[in-house]
Amino acid sequence: MAPRFLIDENLSPQLAHHLRTVHGYEAVHVNEIGLQGAADPDVLARAVAEDRIVMTSNAEDFRQLGRRTPNHPGLAVMLHAVGLAQQLELGLKLATVIEAAEIIHGRLFEIDRHGAVRAFKLP
């Protein structure tokens, strides 16, 4: 089954649109579903309820939340995504790696500015 994504507010809504319309991923931005300004635990709770992977650049907070919520559908973190072009490039790379992964639930996928992806289970 193809991964489904919930894009956090610290990333552009255009990333969700790009993943959805250009690459065929089921992706929504928090702004599209009434979660703009929502607390991170609420974003993760919605992702869990809808079996969506949170894509964010908020590594610190979502690592902590992931540790406390081991049944999460997956977390995708861009460590250094600044501009829109970089977000689109790194977001697509993350989506592609996640789609090919054997295990997604409970895993954290991190991508650096060079496109290197690490996947691991949070301790």
C-alpha atoms as a PDB file:
ATOM      1  CA  MET A   1       0.000   0.000   0.000  1.00  0.00           C
ATOM      2  CA  ALA A   2       1.322   3.436  -0.913  1.00  0.00           C
ATOM      3  CA  PRO A   3       2.221   5.667   2.037  1.00  0.00           C
ATOM      4  CA  ARG A   4      -0.109   8.501   2.999  1.00  0.00           C
ATOM      5  CA  PHE A   5       1.375  11.771   4.275  1.00  0.00           C
ATOM      6  CA  LEU A   6       0.351  14.582   6.598  1.00  0.00           C
ATOM      7  CA  ILE A   7       2.599  17.579   5.936  1.00  0.00           C
ATOM      8  CA  ASP A   8       3.338  19.695   9.010  1.00  0.00           C
ATOM      9  CA  GLU A   9       2.903  23.471   9.018  1.00  0.00           C
ATOM     10  CA  ASN A  10       6.650  24.142   9.067  1.00  0.00           C
ATOM     11  CA  LEU A  11       6.759  22.859   5.487  1.00  0.00           C
ATOM     12  CA  SER A  12       5.063  24.509   2.537  1.00  0.00           C
ATOM     13  CA  PRO A  13       1.487  23.573   1.563  1.00  0.00           C
ATOM     14  CA  GLN A  14       2.913  23.378  -1.954  1.00  0.00           C
ATOM     15  CA  LEU A  15       4.810  20.250  -0.903  1.00  0.00           C
ATOM     16  CA  ALA A  16       1.541  18.396  -0.260  1.00  0.00           C
ATOM     17  CA  HIS A  17       0.144  19.681  -3.548  1.00  0.00           C
ATOM     18  CA  HIS A  18       3.300  18.606  -5.420  1.00  0.00           C
ATOM     19  CA  LEU A  19       3.386  15.116  -3.918  1.00  0.00           C
ATOM     20  CA  ARG A  20      -0.322  14.685  -4.636  1.00  0.00           C
ATOM     21  CA  THR A  21      -0.718  16.135  -8.120  1.00  0.00           C
ATOM     22  CA  VAL A  22       2.663  15.491  -9.714  1.00  0.00           C
ATOM     23  CA  HIS A  23       3.663  12.204  -8.070  1.00  0.00           C
ATOM     24  CA  GLY A  24       0.332  10.628  -7.092  1.00  0.00           C
ATOM     25  CA  TYR A  25       0.919  10.341  -3.341  1.00  0.00           C
ATOM     26  CA  GLU A  26      -1.962  10.850  -0.967  1.00  0.00           C
ATOM     27  CA  ALA A  27      -0.682  13.915   0.847  1.00  0.00           C
ATOM     28  CA  VAL A  28      -2.446  16.684   2.754  1.00  0.00           C
ATOM     29  CA  HIS A  29      -1.106  19.730   4.529  1.00  0.00           C
ATOM     30  CA  VAL A  30      -2.285  20.544   8.042  1.00  0.00           C
ATOM     31  CA  ASN A  31      -3.787  23.786   6.687  1.00  0.00           C
ATOM     32  CA  GLU A  32      -6.043  21.802   4.347  1.00  0.00           C
ATOM     33  CA  ILE A  33      -7.635  19.832   7.176  1.00  0.00           C
ATOM     34  CA  GLY A  34      -8.093  22.520   9.821  1.00  0.00           C
ATOM     35  CA  LEU A  35      -4.944  21.815  11.835  1.00  0.00           C
ATOM     36  CA  GLN A  36      -3.097  25.082  11.203  1.00  0.00           C
ATOM     37  CA  GLY A  37      -1.589  26.191  14.503  1.00  0.00           C
ATOM     38  CA  ALA A  38      -2.372  22.829  16.138  1.00  0.00           C
ATOM     39  CA  ALA A  39      -0.038  21.473  18.784  1.00  0.00           C
ATOM     40  CA  ASP A  40       2.369  18.769  17.630  1.00  0.00           C
ATOM     41  CA  PRO A  41       0.676  16.047  19.736  1.00  0.00           C
ATOM     42  CA  ASP A  42      -2.611  16.870  17.986  1.00  0.00           C
ATOM     43  CA  VAL A  43      -0.955  16.628  14.571  1.00  0.00           C
ATOM     44  CA  LEU A  44       0.509  13.232  15.450  1.00  0.00           C
ATOM     45  CA  ALA A  45      -2.824  12.044  16.889  1.00  0.00           C
ATOM     46  CA  ARG A  46      -4.550  12.916  13.605  1.00  0.00           C
ATOM     47  CA  ALA A  47      -1.804  11.138  11.658  1.00  0.00           C
ATOM     48  CA  VAL A  48      -2.229   8.031  13.807  1.00  0.00           C
ATOM     49  CA  ALA A  49      -6.020   8.127  13.416  1.00  0.00           C
ATOM     50  CA  GLU A  50      -5.739   8.404   9.619  1.00  0.00           C
ATOM     51  CA  ASP A  51      -2.665   6.156   9.237  1.00  0.00           C
ATOM     52  CA  ARG A  52      -0.602   8.990   7.776  1.00  0.00           C
ATOM     53  CA  ILE A  53       3.126   9.599   8.030  1.00  0.00           C
ATOM     54  CA  VAL A  54       3.943  13.031   9.408  1.00  0.00           C
ATOM     55  CA  MET A  55       6.422  14.884   7.195  1.00  0.00           C
ATOM     56  CA  THR A  56       8.035  17.738   9.099  1.00  0.00           C
ATOM     57  CA  SER A  57      11.216  19.688   9.677  1.00  0.00           C
ATOM     58  CA  ASN A  58      10.553  19.758  13.428  1.00  0.00           C
ATOM     59  CA  ALA A  59      12.964  16.952  14.302  1.00  0.00           C
ATOM     60  CA  GLU A  60      13.328  17.540  18.033  1.00  0.00           C
ATOM     61  CA  ASP A  61       9.636  17.611  18.944  1.00  0.00           C
ATOM     62  CA  PHE A  62       8.569  14.763  16.673  1.00  0.00           C
ATOM     63  CA  ARG A  63      11.425  12.526  17.827  1.00  0.00           C
ATOM     64  CA  GLN A  64      10.153  12.968  21.383  1.00  0.00           C
ATOM     65  CA  LEU A  65       6.552  12.368  20.337  1.00  0.00           C
ATOM     66  CA  GLY A  66       7.575   9.307  18.357  1.00  0.00           C
ATOM     67  CA  ARG A  67       9.252   7.839  21.425  1.00  0.00           C
ATOM     68  CA  ARG A  68       6.052   8.327  23.429  1.00  0.00           C
ATOM     69  CA  THR A  69       3.844   6.974  20.630  1.00  0.00           C
ATOM     70  CA  PRO A  70       5.592   3.841  19.361  1.00  0.00           C
ATOM     71  CA  ASN A  71       2.557   2.806  17.268  1.00  0.00           C
ATOM     72  CA  HIS A  72       2.827   5.864  15.017  1.00  0.00           C
ATOM     73  CA  PRO A  73       2.487   5.231  11.255  1.00  0.00           C
ATOM     74  CA  GLY A  74       5.952   6.677  10.589  1.00  0.00           C
ATOM     75  CA  LEU A  75       7.749   9.999  10.831  1.00  0.00           C
ATOM     76  CA  ALA A  76       9.579  11.714   7.971  1.00  0.00           C
ATOM     77  CA  VAL A  77      11.933  14.517   8.974  1.00  0.00           C
ATOM     78  CA  MET A  78      13.746  16.974   6.741  1.00  0.00           C
ATOM     79  CA  LEU A  79      16.736  18.081   8.766  1.00  0.00           C
ATOM     80  CA  HIS A  80      17.670  21.120   6.647  1.00  0.00           C
ATOM     81  CA  ALA A  81      14.825  22.043   4.307  1.00  0.00           C
ATOM     82  CA  VAL A  82      14.844  25.790   3.882  1.00  0.00           C
ATOM     83  CA  GLY A  83      13.450  26.858   0.523  1.00  0.00           C
ATOM     84  CA  LEU A  84      10.542  25.514  -1.460  1.00  0.00           C
ATOM     85  CA  ALA A  85      12.686  23.908  -4.170  1.00  0.00           C
ATOM     86  CA  GLN A  86      14.658  22.017  -1.532  1.00  0.00           C
ATOM     87  CA  GLN A  87      11.467  20.939   0.246  1.00  0.00           C
ATOM     88  CA  LEU A  88      10.036  19.559  -3.001  1.00  0.00           C
ATOM     89  CA  GLU A  89      13.236  17.679  -3.819  1.00  0.00           C
ATOM     90  CA  LEU A  90      13.801  16.249  -0.334  1.00  0.00           C
ATOM     91  CA  GLY A  91      10.100  15.532   0.205  1.00  0.00           C
ATOM     92  CA  LEU A  92       9.915  13.455  -2.958  1.00  0.00           C
ATOM     93  CA  LYS A  93      13.100  11.571  -2.009  1.00  0.00           C
ATOM     94  CA  LEU A  94      11.663  10.809   1.428  1.00  0.00           C
ATOM     95  CA  ALA A  95       8.359   9.651  -0.058  1.00  0.00           C
ATOM     96  CA  THR A  96      10.165   7.389  -2.523  1.00  0.00           C
ATOM     97  CA  VAL A  97      12.380   5.830   0.166  1.00  0.00           C
ATOM     98  CA  ILE A  98       9.417   5.322   2.491  1.00  0.00           C
ATOM     99  CA  GLU A  99       7.357   3.721  -0.260  1.00  0.00           C
ATOM    100  CA  ALA A 100      10.157   1.200  -0.871  1.00  0.00           C
ATOM    101  CA  ALA A 101      10.713   0.440   2.833  1.00  0.00           C
ATOM    102  CA  GLU A 102       9.667  -2.920   4.221  1.00  0.00           C
ATOM    103  CA  ILE A 103       8.839  -1.498   7.666  1.00  0.00           C
ATOM    104  CA  ILE A 104       7.331   1.960   8.053  1.00  0.00           C
ATOM    105  CA  HIS A 105       5.184   1.927  11.214  1.00  0.00           C
ATOM    106  CA  GLY A 106       7.122   3.042  14.267  1.00  0.00           C
ATOM    107  CA  ARG A 107      10.104   4.152  12.158  1.00  0.00           C
ATOM    108  CA  LEU A 108      11.746   7.536  11.782  1.00  0.00           C
ATOM    109  CA  PHE A 109      13.076   8.521   8.363  1.00  0.00           C
ATOM    110  CA  GLU A 110      15.455  11.484   8.316  1.00  0.00           C
ATOM    111  CA  ILE A 111      16.904  13.176   5.263  1.00  0.00           C
ATOM    112  CA  ASP A 112      19.782  15.635   5.287  1.00  0.00           C
ATOM    113  CA  ARG A 113      20.411  18.509   2.892  1.00  0.00           C
ATOM    114  CA  HIS A 114      22.400  16.222   0.583  1.00  0.00           C
ATOM    115  CA  GLY A 115      19.547  13.724   0.218  1.00  0.00           C
ATOM    116  CA  ALA A 116      21.019  11.004   2.449  1.00  0.00           C
ATOM    117  CA  VAL A 117      18.234   9.143   4.252  1.00  0.00           C
ATOM    118  CA  ARG A 118      18.529   7.282   7.535  1.00  0.00           C
ATOM    119  CA  ALA A 119      15.739   5.054   8.804  1.00  0.00           C
ATOM    120  CA  PHE A 120      15.579   3.729  12.352  1.00  0.00           C
ATOM    121  CA  LYS A 121      13.327   2.845  15.248  1.00  0.00           C
ATOM    122  CA  LEU A 122      13.369   5.397  18.022  1.00  0.00           C
ATOM    123  CA  PRO A 123      14.815   4.107  21.319  1.00  0.00           C
END
